[in-house]
Amino acid sequence: MIEKLSDMGIKSQYAYTAGFVSIGASLVSWTTSRGKSGDSKAQADRWGIFIGHWAPTFFAIGIALQLTEEN
């Protein structure tokens, strides 16, 4: 799968950027959901955690792509 991503032109920097964007999106999602009057604090926390779980995956893909680029 990683070789296929590399062949498609996806670079490790893109995956790292996606990881950092995911962290920012998690924070924005949490604060936006927190500010809505109809949503509870628990719902806001769930949204933030859900999006925050994407970051480690993007970073892992970035590391794998970087190792492929070095070879």
PDB file of N, CA and C in Angstrom:
ATOM      1  N   MET A   1       0.820  -1.188   0.000  1.00  0.00           N
ATOM      2  CA  MET A   1       0.000   0.000   0.000  1.00  0.00           C
ATOM      3  C   MET A   1       0.870   1.260   0.000  1.00  0.00           C
ATOM      4  N   ILE A   2       1.931   1.250   0.788  1.00  0.00           N
ATOM      5  CA  ILE A   2       2.795   2.427   0.881  1.00  0.00           C
ATOM      6  C   ILE A   2       3.483   2.676  -0.458  1.00  0.00           C
ATOM      7  N   GLU A   3       3.937   1.609  -1.101  1.00  0.00           N
ATOM      8  CA  GLU A   3       4.580   1.771  -2.408  1.00  0.00           C
ATOM      9  C   GLU A   3       3.598   2.334  -3.419  1.00  0.00           C
ATOM     10  N   LYS A   4       2.351   1.900  -3.346  1.00  0.00           N
ATOM     11  CA  LYS A   4       1.319   2.413  -4.253  1.00  0.00           C
ATOM     12  C   LYS A   4       1.101   3.908  -4.019  1.00  0.00           C
ATOM     13  N   LEU A   5       1.050   4.320  -2.756  1.00  0.00           N
ATOM     14  CA  LEU A   5       0.911   5.752  -2.451  1.00  0.00           C
ATOM     15  C   LEU A   5       2.107   6.536  -2.989  1.00  0.00           C
ATOM     16  N   SER A   6       3.295   5.972  -2.815  1.00  0.00           N
ATOM     17  CA  SER A   6       4.504   6.621  -3.306  1.00  0.00           C
ATOM     18  C   SER A   6       4.493   6.722  -4.830  1.00  0.00           C
ATOM     19  N   ASP A   7       4.041   5.663  -5.491  1.00  0.00           N
ATOM     20  CA  ASP A   7       3.948   5.675  -6.953  1.00  0.00           C
ATOM     21  C   ASP A   7       2.937   6.706  -7.452  1.00  0.00           C
ATOM     22  N   MET A   8       1.922   6.978  -6.630  1.00  0.00           N
ATOM     23  CA  MET A   8       0.908   7.975  -6.996  1.00  0.00           C
ATOM     24  C   MET A   8       1.416   9.401  -6.795  1.00  0.00           C
ATOM     25  N   GLY A   9       2.617   9.547  -6.238  1.00  0.00           N
ATOM     26  CA  GLY A   9       3.195  10.871  -6.047  1.00  0.00           C
ATOM     27  C   GLY A   9       2.937  11.471  -4.681  1.00  0.00           C
ATOM     28  N   ILE A  10       2.408  10.703  -3.767  1.00  0.00           N
ATOM     29  CA  ILE A  10       2.153  11.209  -2.420  1.00  0.00           C
ATOM     30  C   ILE A  10       3.454  11.143  -1.635  1.00  0.00           C
ATOM     31  N   LYS A  11       3.858  12.264  -1.083  1.00  0.00           N
ATOM     32  CA  LYS A  11       5.122  12.352  -0.358  1.00  0.00           C
ATOM     33  C   LYS A  11       4.876  12.347   1.141  1.00  0.00           C
ATOM     34  N   SER A  12       5.926  12.049   1.878  1.00  0.00           N
ATOM     35  CA  SER A  12       5.802  11.982   3.331  1.00  0.00           C
ATOM     36  C   SER A  12       5.386  13.337   3.915  1.00  0.00           C
ATOM     37  N   GLN A  13       5.830  14.418   3.299  1.00  0.00           N
ATOM     38  CA  GLN A  13       5.463  15.744   3.805  1.00  0.00           C
ATOM     39  C   GLN A  13       3.954  15.954   3.773  1.00  0.00           C
ATOM     40  N   TYR A  14       3.288  15.370   2.760  1.00  0.00           N
ATOM     41  CA  TYR A  14       1.834  15.508   2.675  1.00  0.00           C
ATOM     42  C   TYR A  14       1.163  14.807   3.852  1.00  0.00           C
ATOM     43  N   ALA A  15       1.665  13.626   4.198  1.00  0.00           N
ATOM     44  CA  ALA A  15       1.078  12.881   5.312  1.00  0.00           C
ATOM     45  C   ALA A  15       1.335  13.598   6.636  1.00  0.00           C
ATOM     46  N   TYR A  16       2.535  14.148   6.803  1.00  0.00           N
ATOM     47  CA  TYR A  16       2.834  14.900   8.028  1.00  0.00           C
ATOM     48  C   TYR A  16       1.933  16.134   8.128  1.00  0.00           C
ATOM     49  N   THR A  17       1.751  16.811   7.011  1.00  0.00           N
ATOM     50  CA  THR A  17       0.872  17.985   6.995  1.00  0.00           C
ATOM     51  C   THR A  17      -0.553  17.584   7.359  1.00  0.00           C
ATOM     52  N   ALA A  18      -1.012  16.470   6.810  1.00  0.00           N
ATOM     53  CA  ALA A  18      -2.363  15.991   7.130  1.00  0.00           C
ATOM     54  C   ALA A  18      -2.482  15.680   8.621  1.00  0.00           C
ATOM     55  N   GLY A  19      -1.424  15.154   9.223  1.00  0.00           N
ATOM     56  CA  GLY A  19      -1.442  14.879  10.656  1.00  0.00           C
ATOM     57  C   GLY A  19      -1.603  16.147  11.476  1.00  0.00           C
ATOM     58  N   PHE A  20      -0.842  17.179  11.114  1.00  0.00           N
ATOM     59  CA  PHE A  20      -0.954  18.437  11.857  1.00  0.00           C
ATOM     60  C   PHE A  20      -2.291  19.125  11.608  1.00  0.00           C
ATOM     61  N   VAL A  21      -2.809  19.023  10.381  1.00  0.00           N
ATOM     62  CA  VAL A  21      -4.126  19.583  10.082  1.00  0.00           C
ATOM     63  C   VAL A  21      -5.193  18.851  10.893  1.00  0.00           C
ATOM     64  N   SER A  22      -5.031  17.547  11.048  1.00  0.00           N
ATOM     65  CA  SER A  22      -5.970  16.765  11.854  1.00  0.00           C
ATOM     66  C   SER A  22      -5.989  17.232  13.304  1.00  0.00           C
ATOM     67  N   ILE A  23      -4.823  17.546  13.830  1.00  0.00           N
ATOM     68  CA  ILE A  23      -4.767  18.053  15.206  1.00  0.00           C
ATOM     69  C   ILE A  23      -5.510  19.384  15.304  1.00  0.00           C
ATOM     70  N   GLY A  24      -5.269  20.268  14.342  1.00  0.00           N
ATOM     71  CA  GLY A  24      -5.971  21.555  14.325  1.00  0.00           C
ATOM     72  C   GLY A  24      -7.472  21.388  14.134  1.00  0.00           C
ATOM     73  N   ALA A  25      -7.866  20.472  13.240  1.00  0.00           N
ATOM     74  CA  ALA A  25      -9.289  20.227  12.997  1.00  0.00           C
ATOM     75  C   ALA A  25      -9.956  19.648  14.242  1.00  0.00           C
ATOM     76  N   SER A  26      -9.214  18.844  14.991  1.00  0.00           N
ATOM     77  CA  SER A  26      -9.744  18.291  16.229  1.00  0.00           C
ATOM     78  C   SER A  26     -10.056  19.405  17.224  1.00  0.00           C
ATOM     79  N   LEU A  27      -9.133  20.340  17.350  1.00  0.00           N
ATOM     80  CA  LEU A  27      -9.336  21.463  18.263  1.00  0.00           C
ATOM     81  C   LEU A  27     -10.504  22.343  17.804  1.00  0.00           C
ATOM     82  N   VAL A  28     -10.568  22.634  16.510  1.00  0.00           N
ATOM     83  CA  VAL A  28     -11.661  23.458  15.984  1.00  0.00           C
ATOM     84  C   VAL A  28     -13.003  22.755  16.168  1.00  0.00           C
ATOM     85  N   SER A  29     -13.029  21.456  15.879  1.00  0.00           N
ATOM     86  CA  SER A  29     -14.264  20.689  16.048  1.00  0.00           C
ATOM     87  C   SER A  29     -14.721  20.688  17.501  1.00  0.00           C
ATOM     88  N   TRP A  30     -13.774  20.511  18.403  1.00  0.00           N
ATOM     89  CA  TRP A  30     -14.108  20.485  19.822  1.00  0.00           C
ATOM     90  C   TRP A  30     -14.662  21.836  20.280  1.00  0.00           C
ATOM     91  N   THR A  31     -13.974  22.925  19.913  1.00  0.00           N
ATOM     92  CA  THR A  31     -14.435  24.242  20.361  1.00  0.00           C
ATOM     93  C   THR A  31     -15.759  24.628  19.714  1.00  0.00           C
ATOM     94  N   THR A  32     -15.956  24.264  18.453  1.00  0.00           N
ATOM     95  CA  THR A  32     -17.214  24.573  17.778  1.00  0.00           C
ATOM     96  C   THR A  32     -18.368  23.801  18.411  1.00  0.00           C
ATOM     97  N   SER A  33     -18.145  22.516  18.648  1.00  0.00           N
ATOM     98  CA  SER A  33     -19.187  21.700  19.263  1.00  0.00           C
ATOM     99  C   SER A  33     -19.455  22.142  20.695  1.00  0.00           C
ATOM    100  N   ARG A  34     -18.410  22.589  21.380  1.00  0.00           N
ATOM    101  CA  ARG A  34     -18.551  23.086  22.758  1.00  0.00           C
ATOM    102  C   ARG A  34     -19.398  24.351  22.811  1.00  0.00           C
ATOM    103  N   GLY A  35     -19.298  25.166  21.766  1.00  0.00           N
ATOM    104  CA  GLY A  35     -20.019  26.431  21.739  1.00  0.00           C
ATOM    105  C   GLY A  35     -21.478  26.312  21.354  1.00  0.00           C
ATOM    106  N   LYS A  36     -21.871  25.196  20.756  1.00  0.00           N
ATOM    107  CA  LYS A  36     -23.267  25.014  20.367  1.00  0.00           C
ATOM    108  C   LYS A  36     -24.101  24.751  21.613  1.00  0.00           C
ATOM    109  N   SER A  37     -25.240  25.390  21.684  1.00  0.00           N
ATOM    110  CA  SER A  37     -26.057  25.262  22.884  1.00  0.00           C
ATOM    111  C   SER A  37     -26.729  23.895  23.008  1.00  0.00           C
ATOM    112  N   GLY A  38     -26.985  23.222  21.889  1.00  0.00           N
ATOM    113  CA  GLY A  38     -27.683  21.937  21.938  1.00  0.00           C
ATOM    114  C   GLY A  38     -26.792  20.755  22.257  1.00  0.00           C
ATOM    115  N   ASP A  39     -25.495  20.884  22.064  1.00  0.00           N
ATOM    116  CA  ASP A  39     -24.582  19.760  22.288  1.00  0.00           C
ATOM    117  C   ASP A  39     -24.052  19.778  23.719  1.00  0.00           C
ATOM    118  N   SER A  40     -23.887  18.595  24.261  1.00  0.00           N
ATOM    119  CA  SER A  40     -23.346  18.486  25.606  1.00  0.00           C
ATOM    120  C   SER A  40     -21.821  18.498  25.553  1.00  0.00           C
ATOM    121  N   LYS A  41     -21.217  18.631  26.721  1.00  0.00           N
ATOM    122  CA  LYS A  41     -19.753  18.603  26.801  1.00  0.00           C
ATOM    123  C   LYS A  41     -19.219  17.252  26.330  1.00  0.00           C
ATOM    124  N   ALA A  42     -19.915  16.184  26.663  1.00  0.00           N
ATOM    125  CA  ALA A  42     -19.484  14.843  26.256  1.00  0.00           C
ATOM    126  C   ALA A  42     -19.489  14.706  24.734  1.00  0.00           C
ATOM    127  N   GLN A  43     -20.495  15.274  24.086  1.00  0.00           N
ATOM    128  CA  GLN A  43     -20.554  15.217  22.618  1.00  0.00           C
ATOM    129  C   GLN A  43     -19.392  15.985  22.012  1.00  0.00           C
ATOM    130  N   ALA A  44     -19.061  17.125  22.555  1.00  0.00           N
ATOM    131  CA  ALA A  44     -17.927  17.908  22.065  1.00  0.00           C
ATOM    132  C   ALA A  44     -16.628  17.125  22.228  1.00  0.00           C
ATOM    133  N   ASP A  45     -16.487  16.482  23.366  1.00  0.00           N
ATOM    134  CA  ASP A  45     -15.286  15.673  23.603  1.00  0.00           C
ATOM    135  C   ASP A  45     -15.190  14.525  22.606  1.00  0.00           C
ATOM    136  N   ARG A  46     -16.310  13.880  22.313  1.00  0.00           N
ATOM    137  CA  ARG A  46     -16.291  12.765  21.359  1.00  0.00           C
ATOM    138  C   ARG A  46     -15.880  13.226  19.973  1.00  0.00           C
ATOM    139  N   TRP A  47     -16.378  14.383  19.525  1.00  0.00           N
ATOM    140  CA  TRP A  47     -15.994  14.901  18.207  1.00  0.00           C
ATOM    141  C   TRP A  47     -14.505  15.195  18.162  1.00  0.00           C
ATOM    142  N   GLY A  48     -13.994  15.841  19.185  1.00  0.00           N
ATOM    143  CA  GLY A  48     -12.571  16.165  19.224  1.00  0.00           C
ATOM    144  C   GLY A  48     -11.696  14.929  19.222  1.00  0.00           C
ATOM    145  N   ILE A  49     -12.084  13.934  19.996  1.00  0.00           N
ATOM    146  CA  ILE A  49     -11.312  12.695  20.062  1.00  0.00           C
ATOM    147  C   ILE A  49     -11.394  11.939  18.743  1.00  0.00           C
ATOM    148  N   PHE A  50     -12.578  11.891  18.124  1.00  0.00           N
ATOM    149  CA  PHE A  50     -12.751  11.179  16.863  1.00  0.00           C
ATOM    150  C   PHE A  50     -11.805  11.721  15.788  1.00  0.00           C
ATOM    151  N   ILE A  51     -11.776  13.019  15.631  1.00  0.00           N
ATOM    152  CA  ILE A  51     -10.906  13.613  14.621  1.00  0.00           C
ATOM    153  C   ILE A  51      -9.446  13.536  15.052  1.00  0.00           C
ATOM    154  N   GLY A  52      -9.191  13.641  16.332  1.00  0.00           N
ATOM    155  CA  GLY A  52      -7.824  13.550  16.836  1.00  0.00           C
ATOM    156  C   GLY A  52      -7.186  12.185  16.612  1.00  0.00           C
ATOM    157  N   HIS A  53      -8.004  11.155  16.478  1.00  0.00           N
ATOM    158  CA  HIS A  53      -7.470   9.817  16.224  1.00  0.00           C
ATOM    159  C   HIS A  53      -6.880   9.673  14.833  1.00  0.00           C
ATOM    160  N   TRP A  54      -7.160  10.575  13.931  1.00  0.00           N
ATOM    161  CA  TRP A  54      -6.613  10.489  12.581  1.00  0.00           C
ATOM    162  C   TRP A  54      -5.127  10.837  12.552  1.00  0.00           C
ATOM    163  N   ALA A  55      -4.690  11.708  13.430  1.00  0.00           N
ATOM    164  CA  ALA A  55      -3.308  12.211  13.397  1.00  0.00           C
ATOM    165  C   ALA A  55      -2.255  11.099  13.473  1.00  0.00           C
ATOM    166  N   PRO A  56      -2.341  10.164  14.420  1.00  0.00           N
ATOM    167  CA  PRO A  56      -1.305   9.128  14.473  1.00  0.00           C
ATOM    168  C   PRO A  56      -1.227   8.292  13.199  1.00  0.00           C
ATOM    169  N   THR A  57      -2.373   8.066  12.568  1.00  0.00           N
ATOM    170  CA  THR A  57      -2.382   7.306  11.319  1.00  0.00           C
ATOM    171  C   THR A  57      -1.636   8.068  10.227  1.00  0.00           C
ATOM    172  N   PHE A  58      -1.902   9.355  10.106  1.00  0.00           N
ATOM    173  CA  PHE A  58      -1.203  10.159   9.106  1.00  0.00           C
ATOM    174  C   PHE A  58       0.301  10.205   9.383  1.00  0.00           C
ATOM    175  N   PHE A  59       0.681  10.332  10.649  1.00  0.00           N
ATOM    176  CA  PHE A  59       2.108  10.360  10.986  1.00  0.00           C
ATOM    177  C   PHE A  59       2.768   9.020  10.685  1.00  0.00           C
ATOM    178  N   ALA A  60       2.076   7.915  10.954  1.00  0.00           N
ATOM    179  CA  ALA A  60       2.626   6.590  10.647  1.00  0.00           C
ATOM    180  C   ALA A  60       2.799   6.399   9.143  1.00  0.00           C
ATOM    181  N   ILE A  61       1.832   6.849   8.375  1.00  0.00           N
ATOM    182  CA  ILE A  61       1.956   6.771   6.917  1.00  0.00           C
ATOM    183  C   ILE A  61       3.109   7.643   6.448  1.00  0.00           C
ATOM    184  N   GLY A  62       3.272   8.815   7.057  1.00  0.00           N
ATOM    185  CA  GLY A  62       4.382   9.700   6.706  1.00  0.00           C
ATOM    186  C   GLY A  62       5.728   9.049   6.963  1.00  0.00           C
ATOM    187  N   ILE A  63       5.857   8.357   8.089  1.00  0.00           N
ATOM    188  CA  ILE A  63       7.116   7.669   8.396  1.00  0.00           C
ATOM    189  C   ILE A  63       7.375   6.565   7.376  1.00  0.00           C
ATOM    190  N   ALA A  64       6.351   5.798   7.057  1.00  0.00           N
ATOM    191  CA  ALA A  64       6.512   4.723   6.080  1.00  0.00           C
ATOM    192  C   ALA A  64       6.883   5.270   4.708  1.00  0.00           C
ATOM    193  N   LEU A  65       6.253   6.370   4.307  1.00  0.00           N
ATOM    194  CA  LEU A  65       6.589   6.990   3.026  1.00  0.00           C
ATOM    195  C   LEU A  65       8.022   7.529   3.041  1.00  0.00           C
ATOM    196  N   GLN A  66       8.431   8.101   4.164  1.00  0.00           N
ATOM    197  CA  GLN A  66       9.794   8.629   4.270  1.00  0.00           C
ATOM    198  C   GLN A  66      10.819   7.505   4.138  1.00  0.00           C
ATOM    199  N   LEU A  67      10.552   6.362   4.735  1.00  0.00           N
ATOM    200  CA  LEU A  67      11.454   5.226   4.607  1.00  0.00           C
ATOM    201  C   LEU A  67      11.509   4.736   3.158  1.00  0.00           C
ATOM    202  N   THR A  68      10.365   4.780   2.481  1.00  0.00           N
ATOM    203  CA  THR A  68      10.335   4.387   1.067  1.00  0.00           C
ATOM    204  C   THR A  68      11.109   5.386   0.222  1.00  0.00           C
ATOM    205  N   GLU A  69      11.000   6.672   0.535  1.00  0.00           N
ATOM    206  CA  GLU A  69      11.713   7.704  -0.227  1.00  0.00           C
ATOM    207  C   GLU A  69      13.225   7.578  -0.055  1.00  0.00           C
ATOM    208  N   GLU A  70      13.662   7.148   1.116  1.00  0.00           N
ATOM    209  CA  GLU A  70      15.103   7.027   1.368  1.00  0.00           C
ATOM    210  C   GLU A  70      15.720   5.861   0.632  1.00  0.00           C
ATOM    211  N   ASN A  71      14.911   4.860   0.295  1.00  0.00           N
ATOM    212  CA  ASN A  71      15.437   3.688  -0.421  1.00  0.00           C
ATOM    213  C   ASN A  71      15.432   3.865  -1.887  1.00  0.00           C
TER     214      ASN A  71
END
